[in-house]
Amino acid sequence: MIDYDYTLCPDIAEEEDIPDPAFVEKDFFVVQLLNLLQKFNIDGYQIIFTGGTCLSKAYENTYRMSEDIDIPIALEVAN
């Protein structure tokens, strides 16, 4: 995991024109969690990143961030 320094969040938020430094902090931890989850390979299951935070990241919307992250685990469909 990358070292985390919460004191940088306000500066990053200002530089990137993000209205709330808490969005920067949450984004850091979301990315760290996703990096860890991508390393899991469980036969028969698929880990899926969905929901509002997923949409915010996909469309680079830094002005709204969901309170939670949605990561359901689904059974893979056999061919």
PDB file of N, CA and C in Angstrom:
ATOM      1  N   MET A   1       0.843  -1.181   0.000  1.00  0.00           N
ATOM      2  CA  MET A   1       0.000   0.000   0.000  1.00  0.00           C
ATOM      3  C   MET A   1       0.885   1.239   0.000  1.00  0.00           C
ATOM      4  N   ILE A   2       0.436   2.241  -0.687  1.00  0.00           N
ATOM      5  CA  ILE A   2       1.154   3.506  -0.769  1.00  0.00           C
ATOM      6  C   ILE A   2       1.002   4.246   0.556  1.00  0.00           C
ATOM      7  N   ASP A   3       2.051   4.937   0.981  1.00  0.00           N
ATOM      8  CA  ASP A   3       1.961   5.739   2.199  1.00  0.00           C
ATOM      9  C   ASP A   3       0.893   6.807   2.037  1.00  0.00           C
ATOM     10  N   TYR A   4       0.168   7.064   3.109  1.00  0.00           N
ATOM     11  CA  TYR A   4      -0.937   8.017   3.078  1.00  0.00           C
ATOM     12  C   TYR A   4      -0.652   9.159   4.037  1.00  0.00           C
ATOM     13  N   ASP A   5      -0.789  10.386   3.557  1.00  0.00           N
ATOM     14  CA  ASP A   5      -0.604  11.579   4.385  1.00  0.00           C
ATOM     15  C   ASP A   5      -1.847  12.450   4.237  1.00  0.00           C
ATOM     16  N   TYR A   6      -2.752  12.356   5.217  1.00  0.00           N
ATOM     17  CA  TYR A   6      -4.024  13.074   5.135  1.00  0.00           C
ATOM     18  C   TYR A   6      -3.858  14.586   5.055  1.00  0.00           C
ATOM     19  N   THR A   7      -2.716  15.104   5.480  1.00  0.00           N
ATOM     20  CA  THR A   7      -2.521  16.558   5.449  1.00  0.00           C
ATOM     21  C   THR A   7      -2.419  17.091   4.021  1.00  0.00           C
ATOM     22  N   LEU A   8      -2.214  16.202   3.055  1.00  0.00           N
ATOM     23  CA  LEU A   8      -2.129  16.629   1.655  1.00  0.00           C
ATOM     24  C   LEU A   8      -3.499  16.785   0.998  1.00  0.00           C
ATOM     25  N   CYS A   9      -4.537  16.221   1.597  1.00  0.00           N
ATOM     26  CA  CYS A   9      -5.864  16.231   0.976  1.00  0.00           C
ATOM     27  C   CYS A   9      -6.377  17.633   0.636  1.00  0.00           C
ATOM     28  N   PRO A  10      -6.294  18.615   1.537  1.00  0.00           N
ATOM     29  CA  PRO A  10      -6.775  19.958   1.170  1.00  0.00           C
ATOM     30  C   PRO A  10      -6.014  20.562  -0.010  1.00  0.00           C
ATOM     31  N   ASP A  11      -4.711  20.364  -0.058  1.00  0.00           N
ATOM     32  CA  ASP A  11      -3.921  20.910  -1.167  1.00  0.00           C
ATOM     33  C   ASP A  11      -4.285  20.241  -2.492  1.00  0.00           C
ATOM     34  N   ILE A  12      -4.446  18.931  -2.470  1.00  0.00           N
ATOM     35  CA  ILE A  12      -4.819  18.207  -3.689  1.00  0.00           C
ATOM     36  C   ILE A  12      -6.213  18.635  -4.142  1.00  0.00           C
ATOM     37  N   ALA A  13      -7.147  18.756  -3.190  1.00  0.00           N
ATOM     38  CA  ALA A  13      -8.509  19.178  -3.527  1.00  0.00           C
ATOM     39  C   ALA A  13      -8.504  20.556  -4.183  1.00  0.00           C
ATOM     40  N   GLU A  14      -7.733  21.466  -3.629  1.00  0.00           N
ATOM     41  CA  GLU A  14      -7.662  22.819  -4.200  1.00  0.00           C
ATOM     42  C   GLU A  14      -7.046  22.786  -5.598  1.00  0.00           C
ATOM     43  N   GLU A  15      -5.963  22.047  -5.753  1.00  0.00           N
ATOM     44  CA  GLU A  15      -5.271  21.972  -7.045  1.00  0.00           C
ATOM     45  C   GLU A  15      -6.150  21.345  -8.132  1.00  0.00           C
ATOM     46  N   GLU A  16      -6.951  20.354  -7.752  1.00  0.00           N
ATOM     47  CA  GLU A  16      -7.801  19.645  -8.719  1.00  0.00           C
ATOM     48  C   GLU A  16      -9.217  20.219  -8.783  1.00  0.00           C
ATOM     49  N   ASP A  17      -9.470  21.318  -8.062  1.00  0.00           N
ATOM     50  CA  ASP A  17     -10.785  21.965  -8.027  1.00  0.00           C
ATOM     51  C   ASP A  17     -11.873  21.005  -7.539  1.00  0.00           C
ATOM     52  N   ILE A  18     -11.547  20.267  -6.485  1.00  0.00           N
ATOM     53  CA  ILE A  18     -12.485  19.343  -5.853  1.00  0.00           C
ATOM     54  C   ILE A  18     -13.053  20.055  -4.626  1.00  0.00           C
ATOM     55  N   PRO A  19     -14.388  20.137  -4.515  1.00  0.00           N
ATOM     56  CA  PRO A  19     -14.987  20.968  -3.472  1.00  0.00           C
ATOM     57  C   PRO A  19     -14.751  20.518  -2.031  1.00  0.00           C
ATOM     58  N   ASP A  20     -14.478  19.244  -1.810  1.00  0.00           N
ATOM     59  CA  ASP A  20     -14.348  18.736  -0.443  1.00  0.00           C
ATOM     60  C   ASP A  20     -13.110  17.840  -0.338  1.00  0.00           C
ATOM     61  N   PRO A  21     -12.154  18.183   0.527  1.00  0.00           N
ATOM     62  CA  PRO A  21     -10.960  17.344   0.695  1.00  0.00           C
ATOM     63  C   PRO A  21     -11.282  15.905   1.109  1.00  0.00           C
ATOM     64  N   ALA A  22     -12.444  15.689   1.712  1.00  0.00           N
ATOM     65  CA  ALA A  22     -12.836  14.325   2.094  1.00  0.00           C
ATOM     66  C   ALA A  22     -12.997  13.439   0.862  1.00  0.00           C
ATOM     67  N   PHE A  23     -13.360  14.025  -0.289  1.00  0.00           N
ATOM     68  CA  PHE A  23     -13.471  13.255  -1.531  1.00  0.00           C
ATOM     69  C   PHE A  23     -12.103  12.710  -1.933  1.00  0.00           C
ATOM     70  N   VAL A  24     -11.073  13.506  -1.733  1.00  0.00           N
ATOM     71  CA  VAL A  24      -9.705  13.080  -2.064  1.00  0.00           C
ATOM     72  C   VAL A  24      -9.313  11.901  -1.179  1.00  0.00           C
ATOM     73  N   GLU A  25      -9.602  12.024   0.107  1.00  0.00           N
ATOM     74  CA  GLU A  25      -9.266  10.962   1.053  1.00  0.00           C
ATOM     75  C   GLU A  25     -10.013   9.668   0.711  1.00  0.00           C
ATOM     76  N   LYS A  26     -11.310   9.779   0.470  1.00  0.00           N
ATOM     77  CA  LYS A  26     -12.087   8.585   0.145  1.00  0.00           C
ATOM     78  C   LYS A  26     -11.580   7.951  -1.142  1.00  0.00           C
ATOM     79  N   ASP A  27     -11.311   8.781  -2.150  1.00  0.00           N
ATOM     80  CA  ASP A  27     -10.839   8.258  -3.429  1.00  0.00           C
ATOM     81  C   ASP A  27      -9.536   7.481  -3.257  1.00  0.00           C
ATOM     82  N   PHE A  28      -8.646   7.983  -2.423  1.00  0.00           N
ATOM     83  CA  PHE A  28      -7.381   7.290  -2.171  1.00  0.00           C
ATOM     84  C   PHE A  28      -7.644   5.874  -1.666  1.00  0.00           C
ATOM     85  N   PHE A  29      -8.517   5.759  -0.664  1.00  0.00           N
ATOM     86  CA  PHE A  29      -8.765   4.449  -0.067  1.00  0.00           C
ATOM     87  C   PHE A  29      -9.576   3.536  -0.987  1.00  0.00           C
ATOM     88  N   VAL A  30     -10.483   4.105  -1.776  1.00  0.00           N
ATOM     89  CA  VAL A  30     -11.221   3.299  -2.755  1.00  0.00           C
ATOM     90  C   VAL A  30     -10.246   2.677  -3.749  1.00  0.00           C
ATOM     91  N   VAL A  31      -9.319   3.474  -4.258  1.00  0.00           N
ATOM     92  CA  VAL A  31      -8.338   2.970  -5.223  1.00  0.00           C
ATOM     93  C   VAL A  31      -7.457   1.896  -4.586  1.00  0.00           C
ATOM     94  N   GLN A  32      -7.042   2.103  -3.343  1.00  0.00           N
ATOM     95  CA  GLN A  32      -6.221   1.098  -2.663  1.00  0.00           C
ATOM     96  C   GLN A  32      -6.991  -0.215  -2.510  1.00  0.00           C
ATOM     97  N   LEU A  33      -8.267  -0.121  -2.111  1.00  0.00           N
ATOM     98  CA  LEU A  33      -9.090  -1.321  -1.959  1.00  0.00           C
ATOM     99  C   LEU A  33      -9.273  -2.036  -3.294  1.00  0.00           C
ATOM    100  N   LEU A  34      -9.554  -1.289  -4.353  1.00  0.00           N
ATOM    101  CA  LEU A  34      -9.729  -1.906  -5.672  1.00  0.00           C
ATOM    102  C   LEU A  34      -8.448  -2.585  -6.143  1.00  0.00           C
ATOM    103  N   ASN A  35      -7.313  -1.976  -5.868  1.00  0.00           N
ATOM    104  CA  ASN A  35      -6.031  -2.603  -6.223  1.00  0.00           C
ATOM    105  C   ASN A  35      -5.841  -3.926  -5.490  1.00  0.00           C
ATOM    106  N   LEU A  36      -6.240  -3.978  -4.227  1.00  0.00           N
ATOM    107  CA  LEU A  36      -6.138  -5.235  -3.470  1.00  0.00           C
ATOM    108  C   LEU A  36      -7.114  -6.284  -4.001  1.00  0.00           C
ATOM    109  N   LEU A  37      -8.347  -5.872  -4.285  1.00  0.00           N
ATOM    110  CA  LEU A  37      -9.364  -6.816  -4.746  1.00  0.00           C
ATOM    111  C   LEU A  37      -9.049  -7.414  -6.108  1.00  0.00           C
ATOM    112  N   GLN A  38      -8.383  -6.656  -6.965  1.00  0.00           N
ATOM    113  CA  GLN A  38      -8.082  -7.185  -8.303  1.00  0.00           C
ATOM    114  C   GLN A  38      -7.118  -8.364  -8.245  1.00  0.00           C
ATOM    115  N   LYS A  39      -6.427  -8.523  -7.137  1.00  0.00           N
ATOM    116  CA  LYS A  39      -5.475  -9.624  -6.990  1.00  0.00           C
ATOM    117  C   LYS A  39      -6.160 -10.941  -6.608  1.00  0.00           C
ATOM    118  N   PHE A  40      -7.429 -10.846  -6.156  1.00  0.00           N
ATOM    119  CA  PHE A  40      -8.166 -12.044  -5.778  1.00  0.00           C
ATOM    120  C   PHE A  40      -8.709 -12.726  -7.020  1.00  0.00           C
ATOM    121  N   ASN A  41      -8.506 -14.019  -7.091  1.00  0.00           N
ATOM    122  CA  ASN A  41      -9.064 -14.815  -8.175  1.00  0.00           C
ATOM    123  C   ASN A  41      -9.696 -16.040  -7.540  1.00  0.00           C
ATOM    124  N   ILE A  42     -10.992 -15.971  -7.323  1.00  0.00           N
ATOM    125  CA  ILE A  42     -11.703 -17.057  -6.667  1.00  0.00           C
ATOM    126  C   ILE A  42     -12.508 -17.792  -7.734  1.00  0.00           C
ATOM    127  N   ASP A  43     -12.147 -19.030  -8.002  1.00  0.00           N
ATOM    128  CA  ASP A  43     -12.835 -19.806  -9.039  1.00  0.00           C
ATOM    129  C   ASP A  43     -14.339 -19.835  -8.797  1.00  0.00           C
ATOM    130  N   GLY A  44     -15.088 -19.508  -9.842  1.00  0.00           N
ATOM    131  CA  GLY A  44     -16.540 -19.562  -9.765  1.00  0.00           C
ATOM    132  C   GLY A  44     -17.193 -18.281  -9.294  1.00  0.00           C
ATOM    133  N   TYR A  45     -16.395 -17.287  -8.921  1.00  0.00           N
ATOM    134  CA  TYR A  45     -16.947 -16.030  -8.420  1.00  0.00           C
ATOM    135  C   TYR A  45     -16.322 -14.844  -9.145  1.00  0.00           C
ATOM    136  N   GLN A  46     -17.091 -13.779  -9.216  1.00  0.00           N
ATOM    137  CA  GLN A  46     -16.609 -12.556  -9.843  1.00  0.00           C
ATOM    138  C   GLN A  46     -16.872 -11.392  -8.890  1.00  0.00           C
ATOM    139  N   ILE A  47     -15.847 -10.584  -8.633  1.00  0.00           N
ATOM    140  CA  ILE A  47     -15.983  -9.393  -7.798  1.00  0.00           C
ATOM    141  C   ILE A  47     -16.291  -8.224  -8.729  1.00  0.00           C
ATOM    142  N   ILE A  48     -17.364  -7.479  -8.422  1.00  0.00           N
ATOM    143  CA  ILE A  48     -17.833  -6.418  -9.315  1.00  0.00           C
ATOM    144  C   ILE A  48     -17.884  -5.092  -8.552  1.00  0.00           C
ATOM    145  N   PHE A  49     -17.325  -4.051  -9.135  1.00  0.00           N
ATOM    146  CA  PHE A  49     -17.382  -2.696  -8.574  1.00  0.00           C
ATOM    147  C   PHE A  49     -18.545  -1.980  -9.247  1.00  0.00           C
ATOM    148  N   THR A  50     -19.579  -1.625  -8.476  1.00  0.00           N
ATOM    149  CA  THR A  50     -20.783  -1.009  -9.031  1.00  0.00           C
ATOM    150  C   THR A  50     -21.178   0.211  -8.211  1.00  0.00           C
ATOM    151  N   GLY A  51     -22.279   0.828  -8.572  1.00  0.00           N
ATOM    152  CA  GLY A  51     -22.866   1.888  -7.768  1.00  0.00           C
ATOM    153  C   GLY A  51     -22.364   3.280  -8.087  1.00  0.00           C
ATOM    154  N   GLY A  52     -22.748   4.207  -7.228  1.00  0.00           N
ATOM    155  CA  GLY A  52     -22.455   5.619  -7.441  1.00  0.00           C
ATOM    156  C   GLY A  52     -20.978   5.954  -7.469  1.00  0.00           C
ATOM    157  N   THR A  53     -20.190   5.351  -6.590  1.00  0.00           N
ATOM    158  CA  THR A  53     -18.751   5.629  -6.585  1.00  0.00           C
ATOM    159  C   THR A  53     -18.114   5.111  -7.865  1.00  0.00           C
ATOM    160  N   CYS A  54     -18.569   3.970  -8.349  1.00  0.00           N
ATOM    161  CA  CYS A  54     -18.068   3.433  -9.619  1.00  0.00           C
ATOM    162  C   CYS A  54     -18.371   4.409 -10.756  1.00  0.00           C
ATOM    163  N   LEU A  55     -19.593   4.910 -10.805  1.00  0.00           N
ATOM    164  CA  LEU A  55     -19.966   5.867 -11.850  1.00  0.00           C
ATOM    165  C   LEU A  55     -19.152   7.150 -11.731  1.00  0.00           C
ATOM    166  N   SER A  56     -18.951   7.621 -10.500  1.00  0.00           N
ATOM    167  CA  SER A  56     -18.151   8.834 -10.298  1.00  0.00           C
ATOM    168  C   SER A  56     -16.736   8.651 -10.824  1.00  0.00           C
ATOM    169  N   LYS A  57     -16.152   7.492 -10.579  1.00  0.00           N
ATOM    170  CA  LYS A  57     -14.791   7.238 -11.057  1.00  0.00           C
ATOM    171  C   LYS A  57     -14.771   7.070 -12.575  1.00  0.00           C
ATOM    172  N   ALA A  58     -15.759   6.377 -13.119  1.00  0.00           N
ATOM    173  CA  ALA A  58     -15.794   6.131 -14.563  1.00  0.00           C
ATOM    174  C   ALA A  58     -15.958   7.426 -15.353  1.00  0.00           C
ATOM    175  N   TYR A  59     -16.756   8.349 -14.820  1.00  0.00           N
ATOM    176  CA  TYR A  59     -17.031   9.593 -15.535  1.00  0.00           C
ATOM    177  C   TYR A  59     -16.261  10.780 -14.969  1.00  0.00           C
ATOM    178  N   GLU A  60     -15.294  10.495 -14.100  1.00  0.00           N
ATOM    179  CA  GLU A  60     -14.431  11.517 -13.502  1.00  0.00           C
ATOM    180  C   GLU A  60     -15.236  12.656 -12.878  1.00  0.00           C
ATOM    181  N   ASN A  61     -16.303  12.281 -12.174  1.00  0.00           N
ATOM    182  CA  ASN A  61     -17.133  13.259 -11.475  1.00  0.00           C
ATOM    183  C   ASN A  61     -16.590  13.413 -10.061  1.00  0.00           C
ATOM    184  N   THR A  62     -15.857  14.478  -9.829  1.00  0.00           N
ATOM    185  CA  THR A  62     -15.251  14.695  -8.512  1.00  0.00           C
ATOM    186  C   THR A  62     -16.094  15.611  -7.639  1.00  0.00           C
ATOM    187  N   TYR A  63     -17.273  15.994  -8.114  1.00  0.00           N
ATOM    188  CA  TYR A  63     -18.113  16.909  -7.347  1.00  0.00           C
ATOM    189  C   TYR A  63     -19.154  16.191  -6.507  1.00  0.00           C
ATOM    190  N   ARG A  64     -19.305  14.904  -6.738  1.00  0.00           N
ATOM    191  CA  ARG A  64     -20.229  14.120  -5.935  1.00  0.00           C
ATOM    192  C   ARG A  64     -19.618  12.744  -5.702  1.00  0.00           C
ATOM    193  N   MET A  65     -19.643  12.310  -4.471  1.00  0.00           N
ATOM    194  CA  MET A  65     -19.111  10.988  -4.159  1.00  0.00           C
ATOM    195  C   MET A  65     -20.109  10.310  -3.234  1.00  0.00           C
ATOM    196  N   SER A  66     -20.438   9.074  -3.535  1.00  0.00           N
ATOM    197  CA  SER A  66     -21.352   8.303  -2.697  1.00  0.00           C
ATOM    198  C   SER A  66     -20.745   8.102  -1.309  1.00  0.00           C
ATOM    199  N   GLU A  67     -21.614   7.813  -0.374  1.00  0.00           N
ATOM    200  CA  GLU A  67     -21.172   7.560   0.998  1.00  0.00           C
ATOM    201  C   GLU A  67     -20.505   6.197   1.135  1.00  0.00           C
ATOM    202  N   ASP A  68     -20.865   5.276   0.249  1.00  0.00           N
ATOM    203  CA  ASP A  68     -20.348   3.912   0.363  1.00  0.00           C
ATOM    204  C   ASP A  68     -19.806   3.456  -0.985  1.00  0.00           C
ATOM    205  N   ILE A  69     -19.258   2.250  -0.987  1.00  0.00           N
ATOM    206  CA  ILE A  69     -18.878   1.629  -2.255  1.00  0.00           C
ATOM    207  C   ILE A  69     -19.601   0.290  -2.334  1.00  0.00           C
ATOM    208  N   ASP A  70     -20.014  -0.051  -3.533  1.00  0.00           N
ATOM    209  CA  ASP A  70     -20.764  -1.280  -3.754  1.00  0.00           C
ATOM    210  C   ASP A  70     -19.865  -2.284  -4.463  1.00  0.00           C
ATOM    211  N   ILE A  71     -19.627  -3.417  -3.800  1.00  0.00           N
ATOM    212  CA  ILE A  71     -18.779  -4.461  -4.372  1.00  0.00           C
ATOM    213  C   ILE A  71     -19.461  -5.815  -4.135  1.00  0.00           C
ATOM    214  N   PRO A  72     -20.452  -6.138  -4.978  1.00  0.00           N
ATOM    215  CA  PRO A  72     -21.075  -7.458  -4.840  1.00  0.00           C
ATOM    216  C   PRO A  72     -20.158  -8.559  -5.375  1.00  0.00           C
ATOM    217  N   ILE A  73     -20.382  -9.755  -4.889  1.00  0.00           N
ATOM    218  CA  ILE A  73     -19.659 -10.930  -5.386  1.00  0.00           C
ATOM    219  C   ILE A  73     -20.702 -11.821  -6.052  1.00  0.00           C
ATOM    220  N   ALA A  74     -20.484 -12.114  -7.331  1.00  0.00           N
ATOM    221  CA  ALA A  74     -21.462 -12.872  -8.110  1.00  0.00           C
ATOM    222  C   ALA A  74     -20.893 -14.220  -8.527  1.00  0.00           C
ATOM    223  N   LEU A  75     -21.780 -15.182  -8.640  1.00  0.00           N
ATOM    224  CA  LEU A  75     -21.396 -16.480  -9.192  1.00  0.00           C
ATOM    225  C   LEU A  75     -21.188 -16.318 -10.688  1.00  0.00           C
ATOM    226  N   GLU A  76     -20.111 -16.894 -11.204  1.00  0.00           N
ATOM    227  CA  GLU A  76     -19.886 -16.858 -12.645  1.00  0.00           C
ATOM    228  C   GLU A  76     -20.825 -17.851 -13.314  1.00  0.00           C
ATOM    229  N   VAL A  77     -21.329 -17.470 -14.464  1.00  0.00           N
ATOM    230  CA  VAL A  77     -22.239 -18.328 -15.213  1.00  0.00           C
ATOM    231  C   VAL A  77     -21.418 -19.318 -16.029  1.00  0.00           C
ATOM    232  N   ALA A  78     -21.739 -20.601 -15.898  1.00  0.00           N
ATOM    233  CA  ALA A  78     -21.026 -21.636 -16.659  1.00  0.00           C
ATOM    234  C   ALA A  78     -21.467 -21.594 -18.115  1.00  0.00           C
ATOM    235  N   ASN A  79     -20.520 -21.804 -19.013  1.00  0.00           N
ATOM    236  CA  ASN A  79     -20.846 -21.808 -20.455  1.00  0.00           C
ATOM    237  C   ASN A  79     -21.311 -23.158 -20.900  1.00  0.00           C
TER     238      ASN A  79
END
